[in-house]
Protein backbone atom coordinates (compact mmCIF):
# COMPACT_ATOMS: atom_id res chain seq x y z
CA MET A 1 -54.63 53.20 -34.23
CA LYS A 2 -51.91 51.59 -36.32
CA GLY A 3 -49.28 49.77 -34.28
CA VAL A 4 -50.93 50.33 -30.90
CA VAL A 5 -50.55 47.51 -28.39
CA PRO A 6 -52.84 47.77 -25.35
CA SER A 7 -51.04 48.40 -22.08
CA PRO A 8 -52.93 46.32 -19.51
CA ASN A 9 -51.51 48.06 -16.43
CA VAL A 10 -52.26 51.74 -17.10
CA TRP A 11 -55.11 51.18 -19.57
CA GLY A 12 -56.93 48.86 -17.20
CA SER A 13 -56.09 50.50 -13.87
CA PRO A 14 -55.01 54.13 -14.29
CA ALA A 15 -55.64 55.00 -10.64
CA VAL A 16 -53.40 52.17 -9.44
CA TYR A 17 -50.79 53.01 -12.07
CA GLU A 18 -50.75 56.51 -10.60
CA LEU A 19 -49.55 54.94 -7.35
CA GLU A 20 -46.76 53.26 -9.29
CA ASN A 21 -45.73 56.51 -10.95
CA ARG A 22 -45.47 58.16 -7.55
CA ALA A 23 -43.49 55.28 -6.06
CA VAL A 24 -40.85 54.76 -8.73
CA ASP A 25 -37.59 56.68 -8.53
CA ARG A 26 -38.58 59.18 -5.84
CA PRO A 27 -35.09 60.81 -5.86
CA GLN A 28 -35.57 61.38 -9.64
CA ARG A 29 -32.29 59.82 -10.71
CA LEU A 30 -33.72 59.20 -14.17
CA GLU A 31 -34.61 62.84 -14.65
CA ALA A 32 -31.11 63.86 -13.58
CA ALA A 33 -29.55 61.37 -15.99
CA VAL A 34 -31.66 62.65 -18.89
CA ARG A 35 -30.80 66.25 -18.12
CA ALA A 36 -27.11 65.37 -17.96
CA VAL A 37 -27.30 64.19 -21.58
CA HIS A 38 -29.63 66.89 -22.93
CA ASP A 39 -31.30 69.38 -20.61
CA TRP A 40 -34.75 70.33 -21.88
CA ALA A 41 -34.85 73.77 -20.23
CA GLY A 42 -36.08 76.31 -22.80
CA LEU A 43 -36.69 73.61 -25.42
CA ASP A 44 -39.65 71.85 -27.05
CA VAL A 45 -40.35 68.47 -25.46
CA LEU A 46 -42.41 65.50 -26.68
CA ASP A 47 -43.54 62.73 -24.32
CA VAL A 48 -44.53 59.63 -26.34
CA GLY A 49 -47.07 57.39 -24.64
CA CYS A 50 -47.68 59.99 -21.95
CA GLY A 51 -50.50 57.99 -20.33
CA THR A 52 -52.26 60.08 -17.70
CA GLY A 53 -49.72 62.86 -18.24
CA PHE A 54 -47.80 62.20 -15.04
CA HIS A 55 -44.50 63.57 -16.35
CA LEU A 56 -45.85 66.51 -18.34
CA PRO A 57 -45.95 69.01 -15.44
CA ARG A 58 -42.33 68.16 -14.62
CA PHE A 59 -41.24 69.01 -18.14
CA ALA A 60 -43.41 72.12 -18.13
CA VAL A 61 -41.52 73.69 -15.22
CA ASP A 62 -38.78 74.95 -17.54
CA ALA A 63 -39.41 73.67 -21.09
CA ALA A 64 -40.52 76.10 -23.79
CA SER A 65 -43.36 73.77 -24.78
CA VAL A 66 -44.51 70.26 -23.89
CA THR A 67 -46.53 67.88 -26.05
CA GLY A 68 -47.89 64.58 -24.79
CA VAL A 69 -49.00 61.94 -27.30
CA GLU A 70 -51.19 59.06 -26.14
CA PRO A 71 -53.25 56.52 -28.15
CA HIS A 72 -55.83 55.50 -25.50
CA PRO A 73 -58.73 58.01 -25.41
CA PRO A 74 -59.53 57.73 -21.66
CA LEU A 75 -55.89 58.44 -20.84
CA VAL A 76 -55.84 61.37 -23.26
CA GLN A 77 -58.71 62.90 -21.30
CA LEU A 78 -56.99 62.28 -17.95
CA ALA A 79 -53.78 63.86 -19.22
CA ARG A 80 -55.67 66.89 -20.53
CA ARG A 81 -57.38 67.38 -17.19
CA ARG A 82 -54.08 67.05 -15.37
CA THR A 83 -52.41 69.73 -17.49
CA ALA A 84 -55.35 72.11 -17.88
CA GLY A 85 -54.12 75.62 -17.22
CA LEU A 86 -50.44 74.83 -17.71
CA PRO A 87 -49.11 77.23 -20.37
CA GLY A 88 -47.37 75.66 -23.33
CA VAL A 89 -48.67 72.14 -22.64
CA ARG A 90 -50.92 70.15 -24.96
CA VAL A 91 -52.00 66.51 -25.17
CA LEU A 92 -52.69 64.94 -28.56
CA ALA A 93 -54.28 61.63 -29.48
CA GLY A 94 -51.87 59.63 -31.60
CA SER A 95 -49.57 56.64 -31.85
CA ALA A 96 -45.79 56.24 -31.81
CA GLU A 97 -45.93 54.98 -35.39
CA GLU A 98 -47.80 58.08 -36.61
CA LEU A 99 -46.90 60.99 -34.38
CA PRO A 100 -49.28 63.94 -34.96
CA LEU A 101 -46.44 66.47 -35.19
CA PRO A 102 -44.67 68.20 -38.08
CA ASP A 103 -41.19 67.29 -39.21
CA ALA A 104 -38.32 68.71 -37.15
CA SER A 105 -40.61 70.23 -34.51
CA VAL A 106 -39.16 69.10 -31.14
CA ASP A 107 -35.78 69.08 -29.41
CA VAL A 108 -36.20 66.31 -26.82
CA VAL A 109 -38.33 63.16 -27.00
CA HIS A 110 -39.08 61.14 -23.87
CA ALA A 111 -40.61 57.64 -23.94
CA ARG A 112 -40.79 55.83 -20.60
CA TRP A 113 -42.03 52.23 -20.62
CA ALA A 114 -44.07 53.11 -23.67
CA TYR A 115 -43.63 51.06 -26.86
CA PHE A 116 -39.91 51.03 -27.72
CA PHE A 117 -38.97 47.51 -26.70
CA GLY A 118 -36.55 46.40 -29.42
CA PRO A 119 -37.21 44.47 -32.64
CA GLY A 120 -40.50 45.52 -34.20
CA CYS A 121 -40.37 49.15 -33.13
CA GLU A 122 -38.56 50.37 -36.25
CA PRO A 123 -41.55 52.45 -37.49
CA GLY A 124 -41.69 54.30 -34.20
CA LEU A 125 -37.96 54.96 -34.22
CA ALA A 126 -38.27 56.37 -37.73
CA GLU A 127 -40.97 58.72 -36.44
CA LEU A 128 -38.62 59.95 -33.71
CA ASP A 129 -36.07 60.83 -36.37
CA ARG A 130 -38.73 62.65 -38.36
CA VAL A 131 -39.99 64.91 -35.57
CA LEU A 132 -36.60 65.67 -33.99
CA ARG A 133 -34.71 68.77 -34.99
CA ARG A 134 -31.02 68.52 -35.79
CA GLY A 135 -29.13 68.37 -32.53
CA GLY A 136 -32.17 66.96 -30.74
CA THR A 137 -32.13 63.84 -28.58
CA ALA A 138 -34.56 60.95 -28.22
CA PHE A 139 -34.68 59.10 -24.90
CA VAL A 140 -36.16 55.67 -24.23
CA ILE A 141 -36.43 54.38 -20.66
CA ASP A 142 -36.99 50.65 -20.45
CA ASN A 143 -36.74 47.70 -18.09
CA ASP A 144 -33.40 45.93 -17.63
CA ALA A 145 -34.42 42.33 -17.09
CA SER A 146 -30.83 41.17 -16.61
CA ARG A 147 -30.55 42.34 -12.98
CA SER A 148 -32.35 43.56 -9.83
CA THR A 149 -35.25 42.03 -7.95
CA PHE A 150 -37.79 43.54 -10.33
CA GLY A 151 -35.74 42.28 -13.29
CA ALA A 152 -36.03 38.73 -11.92
CA TRP A 153 -39.79 39.21 -11.57
CA PHE A 154 -39.94 40.47 -15.15
CA ARG A 155 -38.12 37.35 -16.41
CA ARG A 156 -40.54 35.12 -14.54
CA SER A 157 -43.41 36.95 -16.18
CA LEU A 158 -41.87 36.89 -19.68
CA PRO A 159 -39.43 33.95 -19.84
CA ALA A 160 -38.93 34.39 -23.58
CA TRP A 161 -37.66 37.97 -23.12
CA ASP A 162 -34.11 38.32 -24.50
CA GLN A 163 -32.48 41.34 -22.92
CA ARG A 164 -29.27 40.91 -24.89
CA ALA A 165 -31.18 40.88 -28.18
CA VAL A 166 -32.94 44.12 -27.24
CA ASP A 167 -29.63 45.70 -26.24
CA ARG A 168 -28.01 44.63 -29.52
CA PHE A 169 -30.97 45.98 -31.49
CA PHE A 170 -30.51 49.48 -30.09
CA ALA A 171 -26.70 49.40 -30.15
CA ARG A 172 -26.70 48.54 -33.88
CA ARG A 173 -28.83 51.63 -34.50
CA GLY A 174 -26.46 53.95 -32.69
CA TRP A 175 -28.23 54.29 -29.34
CA ALA A 176 -26.11 54.91 -26.25
CA ALA A 177 -27.17 53.37 -22.94
CA GLU A 178 -26.76 53.92 -19.23
CA ARG A 179 -27.87 51.29 -16.74
CA LEU A 180 -29.40 52.60 -13.54
CA THR A 181 -30.99 51.09 -10.47
CA VAL A 182 -33.99 52.89 -9.04
CA HIS A 183 -36.62 51.72 -6.54
CA TRP A 184 -40.29 51.37 -6.02
CA GLU A 185 -40.93 52.98 -2.62
CA PHE A 186 -44.55 52.83 -1.48
CA GLU A 187 -46.14 54.46 1.53
CA ASP A 188 -47.87 51.25 2.61
CA ARG A 189 -48.15 47.57 1.80
CA ALA A 190 -51.66 47.88 0.35
CA ASN A 191 -50.45 50.18 -2.43
CA PHE A 192 -47.44 47.97 -3.10
CA GLU A 193 -49.67 44.91 -3.46
CA ALA A 194 -52.12 46.74 -5.72
CA VAL A 195 -49.36 47.71 -8.13
CA VAL A 196 -47.82 44.23 -8.21
CA ARG A 197 -51.26 42.88 -9.13
CA ILE A 198 -51.62 45.15 -12.18
CA GLU A 199 -48.08 44.41 -13.38
CA PHE A 200 -48.20 40.62 -13.22
CA ALA A 201 -50.67 37.81 -13.85
CA PRO A 202 -52.71 36.86 -10.76
CA ARG A 203 -50.89 33.63 -9.95
CA LEU A 204 -47.41 35.11 -10.32
CA ALA A 205 -48.40 38.26 -8.42
CA ALA A 206 -49.57 36.13 -5.49
CA GLN A 207 -46.26 34.23 -5.51
CA LEU A 208 -44.20 37.42 -5.62
CA LEU A 209 -46.12 39.02 -2.78
CA ALA A 210 -45.76 35.89 -0.65
CA GLU A 211 -42.00 35.89 -1.26
CA HIS A 212 -41.32 39.61 -0.87
CA PRO A 213 -42.18 41.48 2.35
CA GLY A 214 -42.17 45.22 2.84
CA THR A 215 -43.08 48.16 0.64
CA SER A 216 -40.10 48.61 -1.69
CA VAL A 217 -38.16 46.79 -4.38
CA ASP A 218 -35.02 47.52 -6.36
CA TYR A 219 -35.71 48.12 -10.04
CA ALA A 220 -33.12 48.02 -12.85
CA VAL A 221 -33.69 50.21 -15.89
CA VAL A 222 -31.90 51.16 -19.09
CA LEU A 223 -31.78 54.78 -20.19
CA ARG A 224 -31.16 54.84 -23.93
CA TRP A 225 -30.60 57.88 -26.10
CA ARG A 226 -29.67 58.90 -29.61
CA LYS A 227 -28.88 62.36 -30.87
CA ARG A 228 -29.97 63.47 -34.33
CA GLY A 229 -27.04 64.86 -36.27
């Protein structure tokens, strides 16, 4: 599909990525922050890059409808199996650059660690504007590499990453931002190690695991949003 960049963690190891989804932000601070800006209760929600559909049942509790869009066929099938039987939920194959939805058809868009990483994502941002109704809000949840233990790991993995350039990119386009610190909190060390190994190259993962004991790590994120007038 046009514009699709493979995601080596969830595409290559969906079962391990499921462990990561369960471990990150157990108190659901991100969900509370999103709802504080624009509660999706009774509204039509789109999850871009929904992966295995982990977040779709959460939206479905009180949304009017939920649509997940995912470009990787095996993940589409996993998401469909996860949401089978949930009323008002569907999973579509598609990319962020060509969302398979009509104009002005959703109220809230959610994209969590799924494509919108600054310069180069302009086509996807234009698609968000197209599918949002007036008064709707698009949310992008991304890493904040400027702080936290995980942020330092991220910088070691991608030393060319320029967090300030990404922040300026979104600010120039009218996106608001809230910086939050969440945590990975795993039930055991084996799961923690498995997730570190799908997130980082083998040599770096080994270094990080040797340096960091325990089963948790602090994780800085940026919640970005823009309302459509």
